[in-house]
Amino acid sequence: MARKPETDLIGAGRKPRAAVKLPNPPVERASTVLIERAEDLYDGDRKVYGRFGLGSQDALCDALCALYEGASWCGLTPSGLSACTLSIQALCKTGDHVLMTDSAYGPTRSFALEELSRQGVEVEFYDPRISDGIAELIRDNTALIYLESPGSLTLDVQDVPAICAAAKARGVATLIDDTWSAGLLYDAFALGCDVAIQAATKYPSGHSDVLLGAILTMEADLGARIGNTLRRYGVTADSDSCYLALRGLRTLPARMRQHEASGLAAAEFLQRQPGVTRVIHPGLAGNRDHEIWKRDFNGASGLFAFELAGGRDTANRFLNALNLFGLGFSWGGFESLAIVCNPQIRRAVTPWDGDGQLIRLSIGLENAGDLIADLEQALAAAKDT
């Protein structure tokens, strides 16, 4: 009988035959690795330099592969953004065509437009809800299709199985930014994705004190291509960040349950408020993407958005009146955060149809009733006087 993630993550990454057994593997910090024999200095099967990762990195990779059942390779990078951009960079070349969801994370989108285009790669954005219609956009030189579900600002949920099936029929690689689900709420590989990427900065670390990215695949050739790119660019993740992310993974399932429960409670509250024109949470019945979410996901994270009637001044009054929500751009930590998203929204083929100010909330681990009370008083303060 297969064990559940809650069980596997407790012991993942431990060395079973370690001389001294500890709940968490110790941090190894080093640039130089001392070699016993001169004959082994150029042995490609052993670690000879800290940049290639030490015990902390290996333990985190093992744990993430356990989280993503079926993953055979994991690469670590210094940030979530670098995990996204380097994965794309590894799988395309000059003259290639890349399809990217129109709701992609803003910095990833900027990389595609400014860096890939400069390198002679054509980037085409597609409607995140295109489903199997993506087949009509695939060309002979299409190198990859980039997905993000849900999108990190507008929470568009993609029909990933349909898109991946169309890609596989043409031999095109699929990469997904899976940060919203933390690798726990969504089986990216079972649904057809070739590469799963996430910002371990967010839910895996869980404490807003780490910058880290993770790339996983079950395809050996893709792992080799991406791994070679990481090595050529000299990309590495530091041991301390890996240790902290591994420690965070131990409590990920328990934290995600509270993020989900409190997030749904806050979303349901906001649905009833007169100044709120729309709540965008895929876990809510009646949400535009709820049926696909219910089919493909086994839970929800604490990140969602809502539209607040009025202009930017109204949004500013609301945000400035919050007491328990910090104003910050990250998410996935223990503390709740809020931002207004309108200045960030960029679309090429699917104009944003929002009416009002898009407020994104990251629901943390505070008491749900206290968070709702804070939202209520901030909504009252936001009203025009």
Protein backbone atom coordinates (compact mmCIF):
# COMPACT_ATOMS: atom_id res chain seq x y z
CA MET A 1 0.00 0.00 0.00
CA ALA A 2 1.44 3.36 -1.06
CA ARG A 3 2.19 5.76 1.77
CA LYS A 4 0.79 9.28 1.85
CA PRO A 5 2.96 12.41 1.38
CA GLU A 6 2.49 13.32 5.06
CA THR A 7 4.39 10.14 5.97
CA ASP A 8 7.03 10.17 3.23
CA LEU A 9 8.03 13.81 3.82
CA ILE A 10 8.86 13.21 7.48
CA GLY A 11 11.82 10.99 6.69
CA ALA A 12 12.63 11.99 3.12
CA GLY A 13 16.27 12.88 2.49
CA ARG A 14 17.70 11.04 5.50
CA LYS A 15 20.66 8.73 5.07
CA PRO A 16 19.49 5.38 6.44
CA ARG A 17 23.01 4.17 7.29
CA ALA A 18 24.36 7.38 8.83
CA ALA A 19 26.67 6.80 11.80
CA VAL A 20 24.68 9.31 13.87
CA LYS A 21 20.96 9.44 13.07
CA LEU A 22 19.37 12.90 13.20
CA PRO A 23 15.81 14.01 12.35
CA ASN A 24 17.25 16.39 9.75
CA PRO A 25 20.48 15.84 7.81
CA PRO A 26 23.25 18.21 8.94
CA VAL A 27 24.22 21.23 6.84
CA GLU A 28 27.36 20.76 4.78
CA ARG A 29 29.08 24.00 3.78
CA ALA A 30 32.09 23.83 1.51
CA SER A 31 33.59 25.03 -1.73
CA THR A 32 36.56 22.66 -1.69
CA VAL A 33 36.01 18.92 -1.51
CA LEU A 34 39.15 17.06 -0.45
CA ILE A 35 40.00 14.01 -2.55
CA GLU A 36 41.89 11.10 -0.99
CA ARG A 37 43.81 9.93 -4.10
CA ALA A 38 45.23 11.78 -7.07
CA GLU A 39 43.70 9.15 -9.34
CA ASP A 40 40.24 10.32 -8.27
CA LEU A 41 40.68 14.05 -8.94
CA TYR A 42 38.98 13.78 -12.31
CA ASP A 43 36.56 10.99 -11.50
CA GLY A 44 33.29 12.17 -12.99
CA ASP A 45 31.27 9.88 -10.74
CA ARG A 46 32.18 11.64 -7.50
CA LYS A 47 31.66 15.14 -6.19
CA VAL A 48 34.79 17.20 -6.42
CA TYR A 49 33.51 20.74 -5.79
CA GLY A 50 30.86 22.40 -3.67
CA ARG A 51 29.12 23.99 -6.64
CA PHE A 52 27.82 20.57 -7.65
CA GLY A 53 25.89 20.24 -4.41
CA LEU A 54 26.63 18.57 -1.09
CA GLY A 55 24.57 16.65 1.46
CA SER A 56 21.97 19.38 2.04
CA GLN A 57 21.25 19.71 -1.66
CA ASP A 58 21.09 15.94 -2.14
CA ALA A 59 18.70 15.51 0.78
CA LEU A 60 16.34 18.21 -0.52
CA CYS A 61 16.38 16.74 -4.02
CA ASP A 62 15.54 13.31 -2.61
CA ALA A 63 12.66 14.77 -0.60
CA LEU A 64 11.27 16.70 -3.57
CA CYS A 65 11.44 13.59 -5.76
CA ALA A 66 9.44 11.80 -3.05
CA LEU A 67 6.90 14.65 -3.09
CA TYR A 68 6.62 14.45 -6.88
CA GLU A 69 6.02 10.73 -7.20
CA GLY A 70 7.75 9.49 -10.33
CA ALA A 71 10.35 12.25 -10.49
CA SER A 72 13.78 10.82 -11.24
CA TRP A 73 15.78 14.07 -11.44
CA CYS A 74 15.73 17.29 -9.45
CA GLY A 75 17.76 20.45 -9.98
CA LEU A 76 18.00 23.34 -7.53
CA THR A 77 18.48 27.02 -8.34
CA PRO A 78 18.88 30.21 -6.27
CA SER A 79 15.27 31.39 -6.89
CA GLY A 80 11.96 30.35 -8.34
CA LEU A 81 12.46 32.68 -11.29
CA SER A 82 15.83 31.14 -12.15
CA ALA A 83 14.22 27.69 -12.09
CA CYS A 84 11.67 28.90 -14.65
CA THR A 85 14.05 30.75 -16.94
CA LEU A 86 16.87 28.20 -16.94
CA SER A 87 14.48 25.35 -17.67
CA ILE A 88 13.17 27.23 -20.69
CA GLN A 89 16.68 28.22 -21.75
CA ALA A 90 17.84 24.60 -21.61
CA LEU A 91 15.14 23.31 -23.95
CA CYS A 92 15.17 25.84 -26.78
CA LYS A 93 17.66 27.39 -29.20
CA THR A 94 17.89 30.07 -31.86
CA GLY A 95 15.20 29.57 -34.49
CA ASP A 96 12.81 27.76 -32.14
CA HIS A 97 9.23 28.68 -31.33
CA VAL A 98 7.97 28.73 -27.74
CA LEU A 99 4.32 28.80 -26.65
CA MET A 100 3.74 30.48 -23.28
CA THR A 101 0.51 30.93 -21.35
CA ASP A 102 -0.72 34.51 -21.39
CA SER A 103 -1.13 34.39 -17.60
CA ALA A 104 2.50 33.50 -16.87
CA TYR A 105 4.34 35.01 -13.90
CA GLY A 106 5.44 38.51 -14.89
CA PRO A 107 9.23 38.07 -14.56
CA THR A 108 9.09 34.81 -16.56
CA ARG A 109 7.11 36.64 -19.21
CA SER A 110 9.71 39.44 -19.29
CA PHE A 111 12.50 36.87 -19.69
CA ALA A 112 10.70 35.35 -22.67
CA LEU A 113 10.09 38.69 -24.35
CA GLU A 114 13.43 40.32 -23.67
CA GLU A 115 15.97 37.50 -23.43
CA LEU A 116 14.58 34.69 -25.58
CA SER A 117 13.62 37.12 -28.32
CA ARG A 118 17.12 38.61 -28.24
CA GLN A 119 18.49 35.10 -28.73
CA GLY A 120 16.37 34.50 -31.81
CA VAL A 121 13.64 32.42 -30.16
CA GLU A 122 10.09 33.36 -31.20
CA VAL A 123 7.70 33.55 -28.25
CA GLU A 124 3.97 33.28 -28.82
CA PHE A 125 1.47 33.73 -26.00
CA TYR A 126 -1.70 31.67 -25.91
CA ASP A 127 -5.04 31.82 -24.11
CA PRO A 128 -4.57 29.94 -20.81
CA ARG A 129 -7.98 28.30 -21.33
CA ILE A 130 -7.25 27.11 -24.88
CA SER A 131 -7.42 23.39 -23.98
CA ASP A 132 -6.78 21.05 -26.94
CA GLY A 133 -7.00 24.02 -29.31
CA ILE A 134 -3.29 24.46 -28.57
CA ALA A 135 -2.69 21.92 -31.34
CA GLU A 136 -3.45 24.59 -33.93
CA LEU A 137 -0.60 26.75 -32.59
CA ILE A 138 2.08 24.05 -32.58
CA ARG A 139 4.59 24.42 -35.42
CA ASP A 140 7.34 22.19 -36.74
CA ASN A 141 9.87 24.32 -34.81
CA THR A 142 7.90 24.54 -31.56
CA ALA A 143 10.38 23.51 -28.85
CA LEU A 144 8.20 23.71 -25.76
CA ILE A 145 4.89 24.76 -24.27
CA TYR A 146 5.05 26.63 -20.99
CA LEU A 147 2.13 26.39 -18.56
CA GLU A 148 1.27 27.89 -15.18
CA SER A 149 -1.84 26.66 -13.42
CA PRO A 150 -3.35 28.51 -11.72
CA GLY A 151 -1.76 31.75 -12.90
CA SER A 152 -0.13 33.62 -10.02
CA LEU A 153 -2.15 36.83 -10.44
CA THR A 154 -5.42 36.05 -12.20
CA LEU A 155 -5.68 32.40 -11.08
CA ASP A 156 -6.56 31.00 -14.52
CA VAL A 157 -6.70 27.18 -14.31
CA GLN A 158 -5.45 25.43 -17.44
CA ASP A 159 -6.69 22.19 -18.99
CA VAL A 160 -3.26 20.67 -18.55
CA PRO A 161 -4.08 17.10 -19.69
CA ALA A 162 -5.51 18.36 -22.98
CA ILE A 163 -2.58 20.69 -23.66
CA CYS A 164 -0.01 18.02 -22.77
CA ALA A 165 -1.73 15.40 -24.94
CA ALA A 166 -1.58 17.74 -27.94
CA ALA A 167 2.09 18.46 -27.19
CA LYS A 168 3.03 14.79 -26.89
CA ALA A 169 1.37 14.03 -30.23
CA ARG A 170 3.86 16.44 -31.82
CA GLY A 171 6.90 15.61 -29.67
CA VAL A 172 6.87 18.98 -27.90
CA ALA A 173 8.09 19.31 -24.30
CA THR A 174 5.75 20.75 -21.66
CA LEU A 175 6.93 22.74 -18.63
CA ILE A 176 4.63 23.85 -15.82
CA ASP A 177 5.11 26.38 -13.04
CA ASP A 178 3.55 24.36 -10.23
CA THR A 179 4.19 26.77 -7.36
CA TRP A 180 0.50 27.25 -6.39
CA SER A 181 0.07 23.55 -5.59
CA ALA A 182 3.51 23.18 -3.95
CA GLY A 183 3.78 19.80 -5.67
CA LEU A 184 1.33 18.45 -3.09
CA LEU A 185 -2.10 19.35 -4.46
CA TYR A 186 -1.51 18.40 -8.08
CA ASP A 187 0.14 15.47 -9.87
CA ALA A 188 1.80 17.29 -12.74
CA PHE A 189 3.46 14.20 -14.19
CA ALA A 190 0.34 12.04 -14.10
CA LEU A 191 -1.49 14.80 -15.98
CA GLY A 192 1.12 14.75 -18.73
CA CYS A 193 3.71 17.43 -17.94
CA ASP A 194 7.34 16.69 -18.74
CA VAL A 195 8.92 19.20 -16.35
CA ALA A 196 7.51 20.60 -13.09
CA ILE A 197 8.97 23.81 -11.68
CA GLN A 198 8.28 25.61 -8.45
CA ALA A 199 9.53 28.41 -6.29
CA ALA A 200 10.55 26.53 -3.16
CA THR A 201 10.82 30.07 -1.76
CA LYS A 202 7.10 29.84 -1.10
CA TYR A 203 5.18 26.89 0.36
CA PRO A 204 8.04 24.36 0.72
CA SER A 205 10.13 26.72 2.86
CA GLY A 206 7.01 28.26 4.39
CA HIS A 207 8.76 30.90 6.50
CA SER A 208 9.54 33.78 4.11
CA ASP A 209 13.28 33.56 4.73
CA VAL A 210 14.53 31.51 1.76
CA LEU A 211 15.06 32.10 -1.96
CA LEU A 212 15.12 28.79 -3.83
CA GLY A 213 13.87 27.15 -7.02
CA ALA A 214 13.31 23.51 -7.92
CA ILE A 215 13.05 21.75 -11.27
CA LEU A 216 11.86 18.15 -11.54
CA THR A 217 11.32 15.65 -14.31
CA MET A 218 10.84 11.93 -14.75
CA GLU A 219 12.54 12.01 -18.16
CA ALA A 220 16.28 11.26 -17.96
CA ASP A 221 17.14 13.09 -21.17
CA LEU A 222 15.34 16.26 -20.07
CA GLY A 223 17.03 16.10 -16.67
CA ALA A 224 20.42 15.79 -18.38
CA ARG A 225 19.74 18.76 -20.68
CA ILE A 226 18.55 21.02 -17.89
CA GLY A 227 21.29 19.83 -15.53
CA ASN A 228 23.97 20.59 -18.12
CA THR A 229 22.57 24.11 -18.53
CA LEU A 230 22.69 24.68 -14.76
CA ARG A 231 26.31 23.55 -14.67
CA ARG A 232 27.36 25.65 -17.68
CA TYR A 233 25.81 28.77 -16.18
CA GLY A 234 27.40 28.02 -12.81
CA VAL A 235 24.02 27.93 -11.10
CA THR A 236 23.89 26.47 -7.61
CA ALA A 237 21.73 26.66 -4.50
CA ASP A 238 23.37 27.24 -1.14
CA SER A 239 23.37 24.60 1.57
CA ASP A 240 21.64 26.71 4.23
CA SER A 241 18.67 27.53 2.00
CA CYS A 242 18.35 23.86 1.06
CA TYR A 243 18.41 22.86 4.72
CA LEU A 244 15.66 25.37 5.56
CA ALA A 245 13.49 24.25 2.64
CA LEU A 246 13.92 20.61 3.64
CA ARG A 247 12.89 21.48 7.18
CA GLY A 248 9.86 23.30 5.81
CA LEU A 249 8.84 20.30 3.73
CA ARG A 250 8.34 18.24 6.88
CA THR A 251 5.29 20.32 7.82
CA LEU A 252 4.05 21.14 4.31
CA PRO A 253 0.93 18.91 4.31
CA ALA A 254 -0.27 20.22 7.69
CA ARG A 255 0.35 23.83 6.72
CA MET A 256 -1.37 23.44 3.36
CA ARG A 257 -4.53 22.13 5.04
CA GLN A 258 -4.77 25.29 7.14
CA HIS A 259 -3.92 27.56 4.20
CA GLU A 260 -6.74 25.91 2.26
CA ALA A 261 -9.35 26.01 5.03
CA SER A 262 -8.65 29.63 6.00
CA GLY A 263 -8.39 30.71 2.36
CA LEU A 264 -11.78 29.22 1.49
CA ALA A 265 -13.34 30.80 4.59
CA ALA A 266 -11.97 34.23 3.62
CA ALA A 267 -13.06 33.78 0.00
CA GLU A 268 -16.60 32.81 1.02
CA PHE A 269 -16.77 35.84 3.31
CA LEU A 270 -15.65 38.17 0.53
CA GLN A 271 -18.28 36.76 -1.84
CA ARG A 272 -20.95 38.20 0.45
CA GLN A 273 -19.53 41.73 0.66
CA PRO A 274 -21.21 44.52 -1.34
CA GLY A 275 -17.95 46.23 -2.34
CA VAL A 276 -16.54 43.04 -3.83
CA THR A 277 -17.51 42.46 -7.46
CA ARG A 278 -15.87 39.05 -7.95
CA VAL A 279 -13.85 36.50 -5.98
CA ILE A 280 -11.37 34.46 -8.01
CA HIS A 281 -10.71 31.21 -6.17
CA PRO A 282 -10.81 27.98 -8.17
CA GLY A 283 -11.94 26.05 -5.10
CA LEU A 284 -15.23 27.96 -4.91
CA ALA A 285 -18.26 26.35 -6.54
CA GLY A 286 -19.40 28.59 -9.36
CA ASN A 287 -15.92 29.89 -10.09
CA ARG A 288 -15.17 29.90 -13.80
CA ASP A 289 -12.47 27.23 -13.47
CA HIS A 290 -13.96 25.23 -10.61
CA GLU A 291 -14.80 22.10 -12.61
CA ILE A 292 -11.28 21.71 -14.03
CA TRP A 293 -9.82 22.43 -10.60
CA LYS A 294 -12.06 19.78 -9.02
CA ARG A 295 -11.06 17.26 -11.69
CA ASP A 296 -7.27 17.79 -11.49
CA PHE A 297 -6.46 19.09 -7.99
CA ASN A 298 -6.84 17.44 -4.59
CA GLY A 299 -6.91 20.69 -2.65
CA ALA A 300 -6.33 24.43 -2.73
CA SER A 301 -3.54 26.64 -1.51
CA GLY A 302 -4.07 29.91 0.33
CA LEU A 303 -3.51 32.18 -2.68
CA PHE A 304 -6.53 33.78 -4.36
CA ALA A 305 -7.75 37.16 -5.57
CA PHE A 306 -10.83 39.35 -5.56
CA GLU A 307 -12.00 42.45 -7.37
CA LEU A 308 -12.73 45.52 -5.32
CA ALA A 309 -15.13 48.07 -6.79
CA GLY A 310 -13.58 51.50 -7.30
CA GLY A 311 -10.27 52.96 -8.36
CA ARG A 312 -6.71 52.77 -7.12
CA ASP A 313 -7.44 55.13 -4.23
CA THR A 314 -10.04 52.68 -2.96
CA ALA A 315 -7.54 49.83 -3.19
CA ASN A 316 -4.93 51.87 -1.35
CA ARG A 317 -7.37 52.69 1.47
CA PHE A 318 -8.24 49.02 1.79
CA LEU A 319 -4.61 47.87 1.86
CA ASN A 320 -3.46 50.59 4.23
CA ALA A 321 -6.25 49.72 6.68
CA LEU A 322 -5.21 46.07 7.00
CA ASN A 323 -3.60 45.13 10.29
CA LEU A 324 -2.88 41.41 10.00
CA PHE A 325 -1.98 41.34 6.32
CA GLY A 326 1.47 42.56 5.34
CA LEU A 327 1.92 44.35 2.02
CA GLY A 328 4.41 42.22 0.12
CA PHE A 329 4.95 40.51 -3.22
CA SER A 330 5.74 36.97 -2.19
CA TRP A 331 3.37 34.35 -0.80
CA GLY A 332 3.28 30.90 0.75
CA GLY A 333 4.72 31.88 4.12
CA PHE A 334 3.17 31.65 7.57
CA GLU A 335 2.05 35.29 7.48
CA SER A 336 -0.81 36.70 5.40
CA LEU A 337 -0.03 39.16 2.60
CA ALA A 338 -1.97 41.43 0.26
CA ILE A 339 -1.18 43.42 -2.89
CA VAL A 340 -3.07 45.20 -5.65
CA CYS A 341 -2.30 43.46 -8.96
CA ASN A 342 -3.56 45.80 -11.69
CA PRO A 343 -0.16 47.44 -12.39
CA GLN A 344 1.38 43.98 -12.95
CA ILE A 345 -1.17 42.47 -15.33
CA ARG A 346 0.19 42.03 -18.86
CA ARG A 347 -1.74 40.25 -21.60
CA ALA A 348 -1.08 39.74 -25.31
CA VAL A 349 -4.00 37.63 -26.56
CA THR A 350 -6.54 37.54 -23.72
CA PRO A 351 -7.24 41.02 -22.35
CA TRP A 352 -7.97 41.09 -18.63
CA ASP A 353 -11.73 41.53 -18.23
CA GLY A 354 -11.67 42.76 -14.66
CA ASP A 355 -13.80 45.65 -13.45
CA GLY A 356 -12.19 47.40 -10.52
CA GLN A 357 -9.04 46.68 -8.55
CA LEU A 358 -7.64 43.15 -8.41
CA ILE A 359 -6.49 42.40 -4.86
CA ARG A 360 -4.44 39.25 -4.30
CA LEU A 361 -4.40 37.65 -0.88
CA SER A 362 -2.00 35.07 0.47
CA ILE A 363 -3.73 33.55 3.46
CA GLY A 364 -1.27 32.54 6.15
CA LEU A 365 -1.56 30.56 9.37
CA GLU A 366 -3.28 33.15 11.54
CA ASN A 367 -6.73 32.39 12.93
CA ALA A 368 -9.25 32.51 10.08
CA GLY A 369 -11.79 34.48 12.13
CA ASP A 370 -9.21 37.13 12.94
CA LEU A 371 -8.24 37.45 9.28
CA ILE A 372 -11.87 37.81 8.23
CA ALA A 373 -12.44 40.49 10.86
CA ASP A 374 -9.41 42.36 9.51
CA LEU A 375 -10.75 42.14 5.95
CA GLU A 376 -14.15 43.37 7.14
CA GLN A 377 -12.81 46.47 8.83
CA ALA A 378 -10.51 47.23 5.89
CA LEU A 379 -13.44 47.01 3.45
CA ALA A 380 -15.33 49.46 5.63
CA ALA A 381 -12.35 51.83 5.64
CA ALA A 382 -12.07 51.58 1.83
CA LYS A 383 -15.54 52.99 1.20
CA ASP A 384 -15.66 56.48 -0.29
CA THR A 385 -16.30 59.07 2.39
